[in-house]
Amino acid sequence: AAPGSIFSMYTMGWYRQAPGKQRELVAIISSSGGTNAADAVKGRFTI
C-alpha cells in the first residue's frame, strides 16, 4: 500500500533478494497497467 493521490501514476514493482544473492526484479506494472515478469516466475506469479 502506498499513500498519496498520485499512486496511479507510479510504476510499481516487486523485487526479491535471497540470502547471498543480489536483489532481482520479479515483476513490474506500469501506470497504464502493462506488466512484465522475470522468466523464473512467468506463468506462476501475477502482478
All heavy atoms as atom14 arrays in JSON, in Angstrom:
{
  "sequence": "AAPGSIFSMYTMGWYRQAPGKQRELVAIISSSGGTNAADAVKGRFTI",
  "atom14_mask": [
    [1, 1, 1, 1, 1, 0, 0, 0, 0, 0, 0, 0, 0, 0],
    [1, 1, 1, 1, 1, 0, 0, 0, 0, 0, 0, 0, 0, 0],
    [1, 1, 1, 1, 1, 1, 1, 0, 0, 0, 0, 0, 0, 0],
    [1, 1, 1, 1, 0, 0, 0, 0, 0, 0, 0, 0, 0, 0],
    [1, 1, 1, 1, 1, 1, 0, 0, 0, 0, 0, 0, 0, 0],
    [1, 1, 1, 1, 1, 1, 1, 1, 0, 0, 0, 0, 0, 0],
    [1, 1, 1, 1, 1, 1, 1, 1, 1, 1, 1, 0, 0, 0],
    [1, 1, 1, 1, 1, 1, 0, 0, 0, 0, 0, 0, 0, 0],
    [1, 1, 1, 1, 1, 1, 1, 1, 0, 0, 0, 0, 0, 0],
    [1, 1, 1, 1, 1, 1, 1, 1, 1, 1, 1, 1, 0, 0],
    [1, 1, 1, 1, 1, 1, 1, 0, 0, 0, 0, 0, 0, 0],
    [1, 1, 1, 1, 1, 1, 1, 1, 0, 0, 0, 0, 0, 0],
    [1, 1, 1, 1, 0, 0, 0, 0, 0, 0, 0, 0, 0, 0],
    [1, 1, 1, 1, 1, 1, 1, 1, 1, 1, 1, 1, 1, 1],
    [1, 1, 1, 1, 1, 1, 1, 1, 1, 1, 1, 1, 0, 0],
    [1, 1, 1, 1, 1, 1, 1, 1, 1, 1, 1, 0, 0, 0],
    [1, 1, 1, 1, 1, 1, 1, 1, 1, 0, 0, 0, 0, 0],
    [1, 1, 1, 1, 1, 0, 0, 0, 0, 0, 0, 0, 0, 0],
    [1, 1, 1, 1, 1, 1, 1, 0, 0, 0, 0, 0, 0, 0],
    [1, 1, 1, 1, 0, 0, 0, 0, 0, 0, 0, 0, 0, 0],
    [1, 1, 1, 1, 1, 1, 1, 1, 1, 0, 0, 0, 0, 0],
    [1, 1, 1, 1, 1, 1, 1, 1, 1, 0, 0, 0, 0, 0],
    [1, 1, 1, 1, 1, 1, 1, 1, 1, 1, 1, 0, 0, 0],
    [1, 1, 1, 1, 1, 1, 1, 1, 1, 0, 0, 0, 0, 0],
    [1, 1, 1, 1, 1, 1, 1, 1, 0, 0, 0, 0, 0, 0],
    [1, 1, 1, 1, 1, 1, 1, 0, 0, 0, 0, 0, 0, 0],
    [1, 1, 1, 1, 1, 0, 0, 0, 0, 0, 0, 0, 0, 0],
    [1, 1, 1, 1, 1, 1, 1, 1, 0, 0, 0, 0, 0, 0],
    [1, 1, 1, 1, 1, 1, 1, 1, 0, 0, 0, 0, 0, 0],
    [1, 1, 1, 1, 1, 1, 0, 0, 0, 0, 0, 0, 0, 0],
    [1, 1, 1, 1, 1, 1, 0, 0, 0, 0, 0, 0, 0, 0],
    [1, 1, 1, 1, 1, 1, 0, 0, 0, 0, 0, 0, 0, 0],
    [1, 1, 1, 1, 0, 0, 0, 0, 0, 0, 0, 0, 0, 0],
    [1, 1, 1, 1, 0, 0, 0, 0, 0, 0, 0, 0, 0, 0],
    [1, 1, 1, 1, 1, 1, 1, 0, 0, 0, 0, 0, 0, 0],
    [1, 1, 1, 1, 1, 1, 1, 1, 0, 0, 0, 0, 0, 0],
    [1, 1, 1, 1, 1, 0, 0, 0, 0, 0, 0, 0, 0, 0],
    [1, 1, 1, 1, 1, 0, 0, 0, 0, 0, 0, 0, 0, 0],
    [1, 1, 1, 1, 1, 1, 1, 1, 0, 0, 0, 0, 0, 0],
    [1, 1, 1, 1, 1, 0, 0, 0, 0, 0, 0, 0, 0, 0],
    [1, 1, 1, 1, 1, 1, 1, 0, 0, 0, 0, 0, 0, 0],
    [1, 1, 1, 1, 1, 1, 1, 1, 1, 0, 0, 0, 0, 0],
    [1, 1, 1, 1, 0, 0, 0, 0, 0, 0, 0, 0, 0, 0],
    [1, 1, 1, 1, 1, 1, 1, 1, 1, 1, 1, 0, 0, 0],
    [1, 1, 1, 1, 1, 1, 1, 1, 1, 1, 1, 0, 0, 0],
    [1, 1, 1, 1, 1, 1, 1, 0, 0, 0, 0, 0, 0, 0],
    [1, 1, 1, 1, 1, 1, 1, 1, 0, 0, 0, 0, 0, 0]
  ],
  "atom14_positions": [
    [[0.84, -1.19, 0.0], [0.0, 0.0, 0.0], [0.87, 1.25, 0.0], [1.9, 1.31, 0.68], [-0.91, 0.0, 1.23], [0.0, 0.0, 0.0], [0.0, 0.0, 0.0], [0.0, 0.0, 0.0], [0.0, 0.0, 0.0], [0.0, 0.0, 0.0], [0.0, 0.0, 0.0], [0.0, 0.0, 0.0], [0.0, 0.0, 0.0], [0.0, 0.0, 0.0]],
    [[0.46, 2.23, -0.77], [1.19, 3.49, -0.87], [0.22, 4.64, -0.73], [-0.76, 4.71, -1.46], [1.92, 3.58, -2.2], [0.0, 0.0, 0.0], [0.0, 0.0, 0.0], [0.0, 0.0, 0.0], [0.0, 0.0, 0.0], [0.0, 0.0, 0.0], [0.0, 0.0, 0.0], [0.0, 0.0, 0.0], [0.0, 0.0, 0.0], [0.0, 0.0, 0.0]],
    [[0.49, 5.58, 0.18], [-0.41, 6.72, 0.33], [-0.22, 7.72, -0.79], [0.74, 7.64, -1.55], [0.04, 7.31, 1.68], [1.5, 6.97, 1.75], [1.62, 5.61, 1.1], [0.0, 0.0, 0.0], [0.0, 0.0, 0.0], [0.0, 0.0, 0.0], [0.0, 0.0, 0.0], [0.0, 0.0, 0.0], [0.0, 0.0, 0.0], [0.0, 0.0, 0.0]],
    [[-1.14, 8.65, -0.9], [-0.99, 9.73, -1.85], [-1.99, 9.66, -2.99], [-2.52, 8.61, -3.32], [0.0, 0.0, 0.0], [0.0, 0.0, 0.0], [0.0, 0.0, 0.0], [0.0, 0.0, 0.0], [0.0, 0.0, 0.0], [0.0, 0.0, 0.0], [0.0, 0.0, 0.0], [0.0, 0.0, 0.0], [0.0, 0.0, 0.0], [0.0, 0.0, 0.0]],
    [[-2.2, 10.81, -3.59], [-3.23, 10.94, -4.63], [-2.72, 10.63, -6.02], [-3.5, 10.61, -6.97], [-3.81, 12.35, -4.59], [-2.76, 13.29, -4.84], [0.0, 0.0, 0.0], [0.0, 0.0, 0.0], [0.0, 0.0, 0.0], [0.0, 0.0, 0.0], [0.0, 0.0, 0.0], [0.0, 0.0, 0.0], [0.0, 0.0, 0.0], [0.0, 0.0, 0.0]],
    [[-1.41, 10.39, -6.15], [-0.87, 10.15, -7.48], [-0.38, 8.71, -7.64], [0.43, 8.41, -8.51], [0.27, 11.12, -7.83], [1.43, 10.98, -6.83], [-0.25, 12.55, -7.88], [2.67, 11.75, -7.26], [0.0, 0.0, 0.0], [0.0, 0.0, 0.0], [0.0, 0.0, 0.0], [0.0, 0.0, 0.0], [0.0, 0.0, 0.0], [0.0, 0.0, 0.0]],
    [[-0.91, 7.82, -6.8], [-0.49, 6.4, -6.87], [-0.65, 5.86, -8.28], [0.19, 5.1, -8.76], [-1.32, 5.57, -5.9], [-1.06, 4.09, -6.02], [0.03, 3.51, -5.39], [-1.9, 3.27, -6.77], [0.29, 2.14, -5.5], [-1.66, 1.91, -6.88], [-0.56, 1.34, -6.25], [0.0, 0.0, 0.0], [0.0, 0.0, 0.0], [0.0, 0.0, 0.0]],
    [[-1.71, 6.23, -8.96], [-1.98, 5.69, -10.29], [-0.89, 6.06, -11.3], [-0.78, 5.44, -12.36], [-3.34, 6.16, -10.8], [-3.34, 7.57, -10.93], [0.0, 0.0, 0.0], [0.0, 0.0, 0.0], [0.0, 0.0, 0.0], [0.0, 0.0, 0.0], [0.0, 0.0, 0.0], [0.0, 0.0, 0.0], [0.0, 0.0, 0.0], [0.0, 0.0, 0.0]],
    [[-0.09, 7.05, -10.96], [0.97, 7.49, -11.87], [2.29, 6.77, -11.63], [3.23, 6.92, -12.42], [1.17, 9.01, -11.75], [-0.09, 9.8, -12.05], [0.09, 11.57, -11.8], [1.16, 11.98, -13.17], [0.0, 0.0, 0.0], [0.0, 0.0, 0.0], [0.0, 0.0, 0.0], [0.0, 0.0, 0.0], [0.0, 0.0, 0.0], [0.0, 0.0, 0.0]],
    [[2.37, 5.99, -10.54], [3.61, 5.28, -10.23], [3.77, 4.04, -11.09], [2.79, 3.34, -11.37], [3.64, 4.82, -8.78], [3.57, 5.91, -7.73], [3.08, 5.62, -6.46], [4.0, 7.19, -7.98], [3.0, 6.59, -5.47], [3.93, 8.17, -7.01], [3.43, 7.87, -5.76], [3.37, 8.83, -4.79], [0.0, 0.0, 0.0], [0.0, 0.0, 0.0]],
    [[4.99, 3.73, -11.46], [5.32, 2.39, -11.91], [5.66, 1.6, -10.66], [6.51, 2.02, -9.86], [6.52, 2.4, -12.86], [6.14, 3.06, -14.07], [6.95, 0.99, -13.19], [0.0, 0.0, 0.0], [0.0, 0.0, 0.0], [0.0, 0.0, 0.0], [0.0, 0.0, 0.0], [0.0, 0.0, 0.0], [0.0, 0.0, 0.0], [0.0, 0.0, 0.0]],
    [[5.0, 0.48, -10.48], [5.18, -0.33, -9.28], [5.86, -1.65, -9.62], [5.61, -2.24, -10.67], [3.83, -0.62, -8.62], [3.05, 0.61, -8.21], [3.89, 1.61, -6.95], [3.96, 0.44, -5.58], [0.0, 0.0, 0.0], [0.0, 0.0, 0.0], [0.0, 0.0, 0.0], [0.0, 0.0, 0.0], [0.0, 0.0, 0.0], [0.0, 0.0, 0.0]],
    [[6.73, -2.08, -8.73], [7.43, -3.33, -8.98], [7.63, -4.13, -7.71], [7.55, -3.61, -6.6], [0.0, 0.0, 0.0], [0.0, 0.0, 0.0], [0.0, 0.0, 0.0], [0.0, 0.0, 0.0], [0.0, 0.0, 0.0], [0.0, 0.0, 0.0], [0.0, 0.0, 0.0], [0.0, 0.0, 0.0], [0.0, 0.0, 0.0], [0.0, 0.0, 0.0]],
    [[7.86, -5.42, -7.92], [8.25, -6.32, -6.83], [9.65, -6.85, -7.16], [9.9, -7.29, -8.29], [7.28, -7.47, -6.7], [5.97, -7.1, -6.1], [4.8, -6.82, -6.76], [5.66, -6.96, -4.71], [3.81, -6.5, -5.87], [4.32, -6.58, -4.6], [6.41, -7.1, -3.53], [3.69, -6.36, -3.37], [5.8, -6.89, -2.32], [4.45, -6.52, -2.24]],
    [[10.51, -6.8, -6.17], [11.86, -7.34, -6.27], [12.04, -8.34, -5.14], [11.28, -8.36, -4.18], [12.9, -6.22, -6.12], [12.93, -5.23, -7.26], [11.9, -4.31, -7.45], [13.99, -5.23, -8.17], [11.93, -3.4, -8.5], [14.03, -4.32, -9.22], [13.0, -3.41, -9.37], [13.03, -2.52, -10.42], [0.0, 0.0, 0.0], [0.0, 0.0, 0.0]],
    [[13.06, -9.17, -5.27], [13.36, -10.1, -4.19], [14.86, -10.27, -4.02], [15.62, -10.06, -4.96], [12.7, -11.46, -4.43], [13.26, -12.24, -5.61], [12.44, -13.52, -5.82], [12.97, -14.31, -6.94], [12.37, -15.4, -7.41], [11.22, -15.83, -6.87], [12.92, -16.07, -8.4], [0.0, 0.0, 0.0], [0.0, 0.0, 0.0], [0.0, 0.0, 0.0]],
    [[15.22, -10.62, -2.81], [16.63, -10.85, -2.51], [16.75, -12.08, -1.63], [16.25, -12.09, -0.5], [17.26, -9.63, -1.82], [18.75, -9.74, -1.64], [19.4, -8.42, -1.27], [18.73, -7.49, -0.83], [20.7, -8.31, -1.47], [0.0, 0.0, 0.0], [0.0, 0.0, 0.0], [0.0, 0.0, 0.0], [0.0, 0.0, 0.0], [0.0, 0.0, 0.0]],
    [[17.41, -13.09, -2.16], [17.66, -14.31, -1.42], [19.0, -14.18, -0.69], [19.85, -13.38, -1.1], [17.68, -15.51, -2.36], [0.0, 0.0, 0.0], [0.0, 0.0, 0.0], [0.0, 0.0, 0.0], [0.0, 0.0, 0.0], [0.0, 0.0, 0.0], [0.0, 0.0, 0.0], [0.0, 0.0, 0.0], [0.0, 0.0, 0.0], [0.0, 0.0, 0.0]],
    [[19.21, -14.94, 0.37], [20.47, -14.86, 1.11], [21.67, -15.08, 0.2], [21.71, -16.04, -0.59], [20.35, -15.98, 2.14], [18.89, -16.15, 2.34], [18.27, -15.89, 0.98], [0.0, 0.0, 0.0], [0.0, 0.0, 0.0], [0.0, 0.0, 0.0], [0.0, 0.0, 0.0], [0.0, 0.0, 0.0], [0.0, 0.0, 0.0], [0.0, 0.0, 0.0]],
    [[22.62, -14.17, 0.27], [23.85, -14.3, -0.5], [23.71, -13.93, -1.97], [24.66, -14.09, -2.74], [0.0, 0.0, 0.0], [0.0, 0.0, 0.0], [0.0, 0.0, 0.0], [0.0, 0.0, 0.0], [0.0, 0.0, 0.0], [0.0, 0.0, 0.0], [0.0, 0.0, 0.0], [0.0, 0.0, 0.0], [0.0, 0.0, 0.0], [0.0, 0.0, 0.0]],
    [[22.54, -13.42, -2.36], [22.32, -13.07, -3.77], [21.94, -11.6, -3.89], [21.53, -10.95, -2.93], [21.22, -13.95, -4.36], [21.59, -15.41, -4.46], [20.55, -16.2, -5.24], [20.95, -17.64, -5.41], [19.94, -18.41, -6.21], [0.0, 0.0, 0.0], [0.0, 0.0, 0.0], [0.0, 0.0, 0.0], [0.0, 0.0, 0.0], [0.0, 0.0, 0.0]],
    [[22.07, -11.1, -5.1], [21.69, -9.71, -5.36], [20.17, -9.59, -5.49], [19.47, -10.55, -5.83], [22.35, -9.23, -6.65], [23.85, -9.04, -6.54], [24.44, -8.36, -7.78], [23.89, -8.46, -8.86], [25.56, -7.69, -7.61], [0.0, 0.0, 0.0], [0.0, 0.0, 0.0], [0.0, 0.0, 0.0], [0.0, 0.0, 0.0], [0.0, 0.0, 0.0]],
    [[19.69, -8.4, -5.22], [18.27, -8.13, -5.4], [17.93, -8.2, -6.89], [18.68, -7.69, -7.73], [17.91, -6.75, -4.85], [16.44, -6.47, -4.73], [16.18, -5.16, -4.02], [16.65, -5.18, -2.64], [16.4, -4.21, -1.78], [15.67, -3.15, -2.13], [16.87, -4.29, -0.54], [0.0, 0.0, 0.0], [0.0, 0.0, 0.0], [0.0, 0.0, 0.0]],
    [[16.82, -8.85, -7.2], [16.43, -9.02, -8.59], [14.97, -8.63, -8.79], [14.14, -8.75, -7.89], [16.64, -10.48, -9.03], [15.81, -11.49, -8.27], [16.0, -12.92, -8.76], [16.82, -13.15, -9.66], [15.3, -13.82, -8.23], [0.0, 0.0, 0.0], [0.0, 0.0, 0.0], [0.0, 0.0, 0.0], [0.0, 0.0, 0.0], [0.0, 0.0, 0.0]],
    [[14.69, -8.19, -10.02], [13.32, -7.84, -10.37], [12.48, -9.1, -10.5], [12.88, -10.07, -11.14], [13.31, -7.07, -11.69], [11.93, -6.74, -12.26], [11.22, -5.74, -11.36], [12.07, -6.2, -13.68], [0.0, 0.0, 0.0], [0.0, 0.0, 0.0], [0.0, 0.0, 0.0], [0.0, 0.0, 0.0], [0.0, 0.0, 0.0], [0.0, 0.0, 0.0]],
    [[11.28, -9.06, -9.91], [10.33, -10.17, -10.04], [9.27, -9.81, -11.08], [9.04, -10.56, -12.03], [9.67, -10.48, -8.69], [8.61, -11.56, -8.86], [10.72, -10.91, -7.67], [0.0, 0.0, 0.0], [0.0, 0.0, 0.0], [0.0, 0.0, 0.0], [0.0, 0.0, 0.0], [0.0, 0.0, 0.0], [0.0, 0.0, 0.0], [0.0, 0.0, 0.0]],
    [[8.61, -8.67, -10.88], [7.55, -8.26, -11.79], [7.35, -6.76, -11.66], [7.65, -6.17, -10.61], [6.25, -9.0, -11.5], [0.0, 0.0, 0.0], [0.0, 0.0, 0.0], [0.0, 0.0, 0.0], [0.0, 0.0, 0.0], [0.0, 0.0, 0.0], [0.0, 0.0, 0.0], [0.0, 0.0, 0.0], [0.0, 0.0, 0.0], [0.0, 0.0, 0.0]],
    [[6.81, -6.17, -12.73], [6.62, -4.74, -12.75], [5.31, -4.42, -13.45], [4.9, -5.15, -14.36], [7.82, -4.05, -13.44], [7.83, -2.56, -13.2], [7.88, -4.39, -14.91], [9.15, -1.9, -13.59], [0.0, 0.0, 0.0], [0.0, 0.0, 0.0], [0.0, 0.0, 0.0], [0.0, 0.0, 0.0], [0.0, 0.0, 0.0], [0.0, 0.0, 0.0]],
    [[4.65, -3.34, -13.02], [3.41, -2.91, -13.65], [3.46, -1.39, -13.81], [3.75, -0.66, -12.86], [2.18, -3.37, -12.84], [0.88, -3.01, -13.57], [2.18, -2.82, -11.42], [-0.35, -3.74, -13.02], [0.0, 0.0, 0.0], [0.0, 0.0, 0.0], [0.0, 0.0, 0.0], [0.0, 0.0, 0.0], [0.0, 0.0, 0.0], [0.0, 0.0, 0.0]],
    [[3.18, -0.96, -15.02], [3.26, 0.46, -15.31], [2.0, 1.18, -14.89], [1.0, 0.57, -14.49], [3.49, 0.66, -16.81], [2.32, 0.31, -17.52], [0.0, 0.0, 0.0], [0.0, 0.0, 0.0], [0.0, 0.0, 0.0], [0.0, 0.0, 0.0], [0.0, 0.0, 0.0], [0.0, 0.0, 0.0], [0.0, 0.0, 0.0], [0.0, 0.0, 0.0]],
    [[2.02, 2.49, -15.01], [0.85, 3.29, -14.66], [-0.33, 2.97, -15.58], [-1.49, 3.11, -15.18], [1.18, 4.77, -14.73], [1.65, 5.11, -16.02], [0.0, 0.0, 0.0], [0.0, 0.0, 0.0], [0.0, 0.0, 0.0], [0.0, 0.0, 0.0], [0.0, 0.0, 0.0], [0.0, 0.0, 0.0], [0.0, 0.0, 0.0], [0.0, 0.0, 0.0]],
    [[-0.06, 2.51, -16.78], [-1.13, 2.17, -17.72], [-1.58, 0.72, -17.59], [-2.5, 0.3, -18.29], [-0.67, 2.43, -19.15], [0.45, 1.62, -19.46], [0.0, 0.0, 0.0], [0.0, 0.0, 0.0], [0.0, 0.0, 0.0], [0.0, 0.0, 0.0], [0.0, 0.0, 0.0], [0.0, 0.0, 0.0], [0.0, 0.0, 0.0], [0.0, 0.0, 0.0]],
    [[-0.93, -0.04, -16.7], [-1.33, -1.42, -16.45], [-0.54, -2.47, -17.18], [-0.78, -3.67, -17.01], [0.0, 0.0, 0.0], [0.0, 0.0, 0.0], [0.0, 0.0, 0.0], [0.0, 0.0, 0.0], [0.0, 0.0, 0.0], [0.0, 0.0, 0.0], [0.0, 0.0, 0.0], [0.0, 0.0, 0.0], [0.0, 0.0, 0.0], [0.0, 0.0, 0.0]],
    [[0.41, -2.07, -18.01], [1.26, -3.04, -18.68], [2.16, -3.74, -17.68], [2.64, -3.12, -16.73], [0.0, 0.0, 0.0], [0.0, 0.0, 0.0], [0.0, 0.0, 0.0], [0.0, 0.0, 0.0], [0.0, 0.0, 0.0], [0.0, 0.0, 0.0], [0.0, 0.0, 0.0], [0.0, 0.0, 0.0], [0.0, 0.0, 0.0], [0.0, 0.0, 0.0]],
    [[2.38, -5.03, -17.89], [3.15, -5.81, -16.94], [4.3, -6.54, -17.62], [4.29, -6.8, -18.83], [2.27, -6.85, -16.22], [1.76, -7.78, -17.17], [1.12, -6.18, -15.5], [0.0, 0.0, 0.0], [0.0, 0.0, 0.0], [0.0, 0.0, 0.0], [0.0, 0.0, 0.0], [0.0, 0.0, 0.0], [0.0, 0.0, 0.0], [0.0, 0.0, 0.0]],
    [[5.27, -6.89, -16.8], [6.38, -7.72, -17.23], [6.86, -8.5, -16.02], [6.73, -8.04, -14.89], [7.51, -6.88, -17.81], [8.45, -7.7, -18.68], [8.21, -8.88, -18.92], [9.5, -7.08, -19.16], [0.0, 0.0, 0.0], [0.0, 0.0, 0.0], [0.0, 0.0, 0.0], [0.0, 0.0, 0.0], [0.0, 0.0, 0.0], [0.0, 0.0, 0.0]],
    [[7.37, -9.69, -16.28], [7.83, -10.54, -15.18], [9.12, -11.25, -15.56], [9.39, -11.48, -16.74], [6.75, -11.56, -14.8], [0.0, 0.0, 0.0], [0.0, 0.0, 0.0], [0.0, 0.0, 0.0], [0.0, 0.0, 0.0], [0.0, 0.0, 0.0], [0.0, 0.0, 0.0], [0.0, 0.0, 0.0], [0.0, 0.0, 0.0], [0.0, 0.0, 0.0]],
    [[9.88, -11.6, -14.56], [11.11, -12.35, -14.78], [10.77, -13.73, -15.31], [9.73, -14.32, -14.97], [11.89, -12.46, -13.47], [0.0, 0.0, 0.0], [0.0, 0.0, 0.0], [0.0, 0.0, 0.0], [0.0, 0.0, 0.0], [0.0, 0.0, 0.0], [0.0, 0.0, 0.0], [0.0, 0.0, 0.0], [0.0, 0.0, 0.0], [0.0, 0.0, 0.0]],
    [[11.65, -14.27, -16.13], [11.41, -15.59, -16.71], [11.18, -16.65, -15.64], [10.38, -17.56, -15.82], [12.59, -15.99, -17.59], [12.66, -15.2, -18.89], [11.64, -14.57, -19.25], [13.73, -15.21, -19.53], [0.0, 0.0, 0.0], [0.0, 0.0, 0.0], [0.0, 0.0, 0.0], [0.0, 0.0, 0.0], [0.0, 0.0, 0.0], [0.0, 0.0, 0.0]],
    [[11.87, -16.51, -14.51], [11.79, -17.52, -13.45], [10.4, -17.63, -12.83], [10.07, -18.65, -12.21], [12.81, -17.22, -12.36], [0.0, 0.0, 0.0], [0.0, 0.0, 0.0], [0.0, 0.0, 0.0], [0.0, 0.0, 0.0], [0.0, 0.0, 0.0], [0.0, 0.0, 0.0], [0.0, 0.0, 0.0], [0.0, 0.0, 0.0], [0.0, 0.0, 0.0]],
    [[9.59, -16.59, -12.98], [8.27, -16.58, -12.34], [7.12, -16.49, -13.33], [5.95, -16.55, -12.92], [8.15, -15.44, -11.31], [9.3, -15.51, -10.31], [8.11, -14.09, -11.98], [0.0, 0.0, 0.0], [0.0, 0.0, 0.0], [0.0, 0.0, 0.0], [0.0, 0.0, 0.0], [0.0, 0.0, 0.0], [0.0, 0.0, 0.0], [0.0, 0.0, 0.0]],
    [[7.41, -16.35, -14.61], [6.34, -16.24, -15.61], [5.46, -17.47, -15.58], [5.94, -18.6, -15.51], [6.94, -16.04, -17.0], [7.37, -14.62, -17.28], [7.9, -14.45, -18.7], [8.31, -13.02, -18.96], [8.91, -12.83, -20.3], [0.0, 0.0, 0.0], [0.0, 0.0, 0.0], [0.0, 0.0, 0.0], [0.0, 0.0, 0.0], [0.0, 0.0, 0.0]],
    [[4.15, -17.23, -15.6], [3.21, -18.34, -15.55], [2.85, -18.76, -14.14], [1.9, -19.53, -13.94], [0.0, 0.0, 0.0], [0.0, 0.0, 0.0], [0.0, 0.0, 0.0], [0.0, 0.0, 0.0], [0.0, 0.0, 0.0], [0.0, 0.0, 0.0], [0.0, 0.0, 0.0], [0.0, 0.0, 0.0], [0.0, 0.0, 0.0], [0.0, 0.0, 0.0]],
    [[3.59, -18.26, -13.15], [3.32, -18.6, -11.74], [2.94, -17.38, -10.91], [2.09, -17.47, -10.03], [4.54, -19.27, -11.11], [4.96, -20.55, -11.8], [6.05, -21.28, -11.0], [7.27, -20.49, -10.89], [7.81, -20.14, -9.71], [7.23, -20.49, -8.57], [8.93, -19.44, -9.69], [0.0, 0.0, 0.0], [0.0, 0.0, 0.0], [0.0, 0.0, 0.0]],
    [[3.59, -16.25, -11.18], [3.34, -15.03, -10.42], [2.59, -14.02, -11.29], [2.86, -13.91, -12.48], [4.65, -14.39, -9.98], [5.43, -15.15, -8.95], [5.11, -16.45, -8.58], [6.52, -14.55, -8.33], [5.84, -17.15, -7.63], [7.27, -15.23, -7.38], [6.92, -16.53, -7.03], [0.0, 0.0, 0.0], [0.0, 0.0, 0.0], [0.0, 0.0, 0.0]],
    [[1.69, -13.27, -10.65], [0.94, -12.23, -11.36], [0.97, -10.95, -10.55], [0.62, -10.95, -9.37], [-0.51, -12.67, -11.58], [-0.54, -13.89, -12.32], [-1.27, -11.59, -12.35], [0.0, 0.0, 0.0], [0.0, 0.0, 0.0], [0.0, 0.0, 0.0], [0.0, 0.0, 0.0], [0.0, 0.0, 0.0], [0.0, 0.0, 0.0], [0.0, 0.0, 0.0]],
    [[1.37, -9.87, -11.2], [1.33, -8.56, -10.55], [0.08, -7.84, -11.01], [-0.32, -7.93, -12.17], [2.61, -7.74, -10.86], [2.65, -6.46, -10.02], [2.73, -7.43, -12.34], [3.99, -5.72, -10.11], [0.0, 0.0, 0.0], [0.0, 0.0, 0.0], [0.0, 0.0, 0.0], [0.0, 0.0, 0.0], [0.0, 0.0, 0.0], [0.0, 0.0, 0.0]]
  ]
}
